[in-house]
Amino acid sequence: MTTVEICVSDVPTALVAEAAGAHRLELCADLGQGGTTPSLGAVAIALRTLTTAGLRVMVRARGGDFRVSEVEEQVMLADIAALRALPNPRGLPLGVVVGAVADGRLDLPVLGRLIEAAGPLPVTVHKAFDEVSDQFEALDQIIGLGADAVLTSGGAPTALDGAVRIAALRQRAGDRLRVIAGGGIRSHNVRQVLTETGARELHLRAPVRRDGREATDAAEVRRVVDAVRTH
């Protein structure tokens, strides 16, 4: 089965995406800055109210670049510890999403400590991975650190633009790491993305403006899920 992960900004949009058929959700705050750590309250209520979808939680101290200072790392470690301590009454699959880059390379010491802090929670390395100069070297490093997955558009603006690279990364990773394709994926191109990348996991937003704010477009989520199912 191909997994469809929808990036959401709060609990209401998470519930909409789940009801529309999303298999997994990435919960973030401040999507305009690329996503930061959501409130513990939002995560706690999501774990209490979601019923079927897995949940990945962004752990990122601020927007902007992907450098992580010593203080920001301490904040992220504290957030991970707090997330691990939250009740998960339905036993939903829960994981965290992190990343750290410095001077065109992964910040391995920081990433290593974040992944270690996550303990049994699976870890996705987010699209900071697309900022590194050698993605194949970085892929091996992420595998060595024990991450579960990496989100990438193959270093290109969109997953379609980076399809050849994504396919090559998937081949290199084999069964050691899951490569999630993301970037510009919509219902009108999702079949092409699947064909050209061979991806078995997709990440996208399905935004729509309602009442002056961004919400999740349930119809678009359904179209993507249906397209994936029939591909």
Protein backbone atom coordinates (compact mmCIF):
# COMPACT_ATOMS: atom_id res chain seq x y z
CA MET A 1 0.00 0.00 0.00
CA THR A 2 1.15 3.52 -0.78
CA THR A 3 0.95 5.82 2.23
CA VAL A 4 -0.50 9.31 1.88
CA GLU A 5 0.73 11.73 4.57
CA ILE A 6 -1.01 15.09 4.87
CA CYS A 7 0.66 18.03 6.56
CA VAL A 8 -1.80 19.79 8.89
CA SER A 9 -1.64 22.83 11.13
CA ASP A 10 -4.06 22.00 13.95
CA VAL A 11 -6.43 19.37 15.31
CA PRO A 12 -9.48 20.37 13.24
CA THR A 13 -7.53 20.09 9.98
CA ALA A 14 -6.06 16.79 11.18
CA LEU A 15 -9.54 15.39 11.74
CA VAL A 16 -10.66 16.57 8.30
CA ALA A 17 -7.65 14.92 6.64
CA GLU A 18 -8.19 11.66 8.54
CA ALA A 19 -11.88 11.56 7.62
CA ALA A 20 -10.91 12.11 3.97
CA GLY A 21 -8.72 9.01 4.01
CA ALA A 22 -5.22 10.21 4.91
CA HIS A 23 -3.10 7.38 6.26
CA ARG A 24 -0.75 9.56 8.29
CA LEU A 25 -0.60 13.19 9.40
CA GLU A 26 2.29 15.52 10.07
CA LEU A 27 1.21 18.04 12.70
CA CYS A 28 3.04 21.39 12.63
CA ALA A 29 2.57 24.95 13.76
CA ASP A 30 3.42 28.00 11.64
CA LEU A 31 3.33 26.37 8.21
CA GLY A 32 4.13 29.75 6.67
CA GLN A 33 7.63 29.35 8.15
CA GLY A 34 7.94 25.77 6.96
CA GLY A 35 6.53 24.27 10.14
CA THR A 36 7.53 24.45 13.79
CA THR A 37 6.69 22.46 16.91
CA PRO A 38 2.95 22.48 17.67
CA SER A 39 1.68 22.97 21.19
CA LEU A 40 1.64 19.99 23.53
CA GLY A 41 -2.06 20.59 23.94
CA ALA A 42 -2.63 20.20 20.21
CA VAL A 43 -0.69 16.94 20.15
CA ALA A 44 -2.47 15.62 23.24
CA ILE A 45 -5.91 16.32 21.76
CA ALA A 46 -4.88 14.87 18.41
CA LEU A 47 -3.82 11.64 20.13
CA ARG A 48 -7.12 11.60 21.99
CA THR A 49 -9.39 12.29 19.01
CA LEU A 50 -7.78 10.72 15.95
CA THR A 51 -8.84 7.13 15.39
CA THR A 52 -6.97 5.62 12.44
CA ALA A 53 -4.26 7.87 11.05
CA GLY A 54 -0.69 7.73 12.26
CA LEU A 55 0.77 10.96 13.60
CA ARG A 56 4.18 12.53 13.07
CA VAL A 57 4.94 15.69 15.04
CA MET A 58 7.29 18.38 13.80
CA VAL A 59 9.98 19.25 16.33
CA ARG A 60 11.60 22.50 15.20
CA ALA A 61 12.33 25.44 17.47
CA ARG A 62 11.84 28.17 14.85
CA GLY A 63 11.31 28.92 11.19
CA GLY A 64 14.00 30.11 8.83
CA ASP A 65 17.13 28.13 8.07
CA PHE A 66 17.91 24.69 9.42
CA ARG A 67 20.83 25.59 11.67
CA VAL A 68 20.21 24.53 15.26
CA SER A 69 21.89 26.47 18.06
CA GLU A 70 22.75 24.95 21.41
CA VAL A 71 19.75 26.59 23.06
CA GLU A 72 17.42 25.55 20.23
CA GLU A 73 18.65 21.98 20.55
CA GLN A 74 17.84 22.02 24.25
CA VAL A 75 14.33 23.24 23.42
CA MET A 76 13.89 20.45 20.85
CA LEU A 77 15.15 17.80 23.26
CA ALA A 78 12.71 19.04 25.89
CA ASP A 79 9.88 18.95 23.35
CA ILE A 80 10.72 15.37 22.40
CA ALA A 81 10.75 14.32 26.04
CA ALA A 82 7.38 15.98 26.59
CA LEU A 83 5.90 14.32 23.49
CA ARG A 84 7.07 10.92 24.67
CA ALA A 85 5.33 11.47 27.99
CA LEU A 86 1.91 12.28 26.49
CA PRO A 87 -0.87 9.71 26.85
CA ASN A 88 -1.65 7.86 23.65
CA PRO A 89 -4.93 6.19 24.61
CA ARG A 90 -5.67 4.73 21.19
CA GLY A 91 -2.13 3.50 20.61
CA LEU A 92 -1.80 5.52 17.41
CA PRO A 93 1.51 5.22 15.55
CA LEU A 94 3.41 8.28 16.80
CA GLY A 95 6.72 9.68 15.59
CA VAL A 96 8.72 12.91 15.34
CA VAL A 97 10.10 14.95 12.46
CA VAL A 98 13.45 16.69 12.86
CA GLY A 99 16.35 18.09 10.87
CA ALA A 100 19.59 20.02 11.28
CA VAL A 101 22.00 21.29 8.63
CA ALA A 102 25.17 23.35 8.81
CA ASP A 103 27.37 24.47 5.90
CA GLY A 104 25.70 22.23 3.35
CA ARG A 105 25.99 19.06 5.42
CA LEU A 106 23.86 17.35 8.01
CA ASP A 107 24.64 18.47 11.55
CA LEU A 108 25.31 14.92 12.67
CA PRO A 109 25.97 15.59 16.38
CA VAL A 110 22.67 17.45 16.76
CA LEU A 111 20.71 14.96 14.68
CA GLY A 112 22.22 12.07 16.57
CA ARG A 113 21.16 13.50 19.93
CA LEU A 114 17.64 14.24 18.68
CA ILE A 115 17.21 10.74 17.28
CA GLU A 116 18.58 9.20 20.46
CA ALA A 117 16.17 11.30 22.53
CA ALA A 118 13.24 10.01 20.50
CA GLY A 119 13.95 6.52 21.79
CA PRO A 120 11.33 4.11 20.46
CA LEU A 121 9.52 6.81 18.47
CA PRO A 122 10.29 6.60 14.74
CA VAL A 123 12.05 9.65 13.33
CA THR A 124 11.62 11.32 9.95
CA VAL A 125 14.33 13.70 8.78
CA HIS A 126 12.47 16.57 7.10
CA LYS A 127 13.28 18.53 3.95
CA ALA A 128 16.36 20.07 5.51
CA PHE A 129 17.76 17.01 3.73
CA ASP A 130 17.26 18.90 0.46
CA GLU A 131 19.75 21.54 1.62
CA VAL A 132 22.74 19.19 1.74
CA SER A 133 25.26 19.11 -1.08
CA ASP A 134 25.63 15.30 -1.24
CA GLN A 135 22.31 13.59 -0.64
CA PHE A 136 23.68 10.09 -1.09
CA GLU A 137 26.29 10.59 1.61
CA ALA A 138 23.64 12.19 3.82
CA LEU A 139 21.29 9.26 3.24
CA ASP A 140 23.90 6.82 4.51
CA GLN A 141 24.54 9.07 7.51
CA ILE A 142 20.85 9.23 8.39
CA ILE A 143 20.62 5.46 8.17
CA GLY A 144 23.64 5.18 10.46
CA LEU A 145 21.99 7.44 13.02
CA GLY A 146 18.91 5.23 13.14
CA ALA A 147 16.30 7.46 11.52
CA ASP A 148 13.19 5.77 10.17
CA ALA A 149 12.49 7.92 7.10
CA VAL A 150 13.53 10.96 5.11
CA LEU A 151 11.30 13.47 3.34
CA THR A 152 12.67 14.82 0.08
CA SER A 153 11.93 16.35 -3.29
CA GLY A 154 15.29 15.10 -4.49
CA GLY A 155 16.92 18.46 -3.93
CA ALA A 156 14.62 20.02 -6.56
CA PRO A 157 11.73 22.46 -6.22
CA THR A 158 9.14 19.70 -6.60
CA ALA A 159 9.01 15.92 -6.39
CA LEU A 160 8.43 15.70 -10.15
CA ASP A 161 11.50 17.85 -10.84
CA GLY A 162 13.52 15.62 -8.52
CA ALA A 163 11.94 12.32 -9.56
CA VAL A 164 15.12 10.76 -10.92
CA ARG A 165 17.02 11.61 -7.72
CA ILE A 166 14.20 10.33 -5.51
CA ALA A 167 14.20 7.04 -7.39
CA ALA A 168 17.97 6.76 -6.99
CA LEU A 169 17.76 7.52 -3.26
CA ARG A 170 15.08 4.86 -2.85
CA GLN A 171 17.30 2.33 -4.61
CA ARG A 172 20.26 3.22 -2.40
CA ALA A 173 18.21 3.07 0.78
CA GLY A 174 16.62 -0.28 -0.04
CA ASP A 175 14.83 -1.58 3.02
CA ARG A 176 17.11 0.33 5.43
CA LEU A 177 15.17 3.61 5.30
CA ARG A 178 11.84 4.82 3.94
CA VAL A 179 12.09 7.64 1.38
CA ILE A 180 9.01 9.87 1.40
CA ALA A 181 8.44 11.95 -1.75
CA GLY A 182 7.18 15.47 -1.14
CA GLY A 183 6.99 18.81 -2.90
CA GLY A 184 4.27 20.06 -5.21
CA ILE A 185 2.24 16.85 -5.16
CA ARG A 186 -1.45 17.25 -6.01
CA SER A 187 -4.22 15.03 -7.31
CA HIS A 188 -3.55 16.02 -10.94
CA ASN A 189 0.07 14.82 -10.86
CA VAL A 190 0.22 12.19 -8.12
CA ARG A 191 0.08 9.24 -10.53
CA GLN A 192 3.00 10.70 -12.49
CA VAL A 193 4.97 11.17 -9.26
CA LEU A 194 4.36 7.55 -8.31
CA THR A 195 5.37 6.30 -11.75
CA GLU A 196 8.55 8.38 -12.03
CA THR A 197 9.81 8.02 -8.46
CA GLY A 198 8.58 4.55 -7.53
CA ALA A 199 7.71 6.11 -4.15
CA ARG A 200 5.53 4.17 -1.74
CA GLU A 201 5.01 7.14 0.57
CA LEU A 202 3.86 10.63 -0.36
CA HIS A 203 3.74 13.86 1.64
CA LEU A 204 1.65 16.89 0.73
CA ARG A 205 -0.47 19.74 1.94
CA ALA A 206 -4.04 20.15 0.71
CA PRO A 207 -4.70 23.78 1.64
CA VAL A 208 -7.88 25.75 1.05
CA ARG A 209 -8.96 29.16 2.38
CA ARG A 210 -12.08 29.13 4.52
CA ASP A 211 -13.36 31.90 6.78
CA GLY A 212 -10.18 33.87 6.26
CA ARG A 213 -7.79 31.11 7.31
CA GLU A 214 -6.13 28.05 5.85
CA ALA A 215 -7.93 24.74 6.21
CA THR A 216 -7.53 21.26 4.73
CA ASP A 217 -9.34 20.55 1.47
CA ALA A 218 -11.08 17.24 2.19
CA ALA A 219 -12.06 16.80 -1.46
CA GLU A 220 -8.45 17.14 -2.60
CA VAL A 221 -7.27 14.64 0.02
CA ARG A 222 -9.91 12.18 -1.22
CA ARG A 223 -8.82 12.71 -4.83
CA VAL A 224 -5.19 12.02 -3.94
CA VAL A 225 -6.05 8.92 -1.90
CA ASP A 226 -8.31 7.62 -4.69
CA ALA A 227 -5.63 8.26 -7.33
CA VAL A 228 -3.06 6.40 -5.24
CA ARG A 229 -5.43 3.50 -4.62
CA THR A 230 -6.16 3.05 -8.33
CA HIS A 231 -2.63 3.67 -9.59
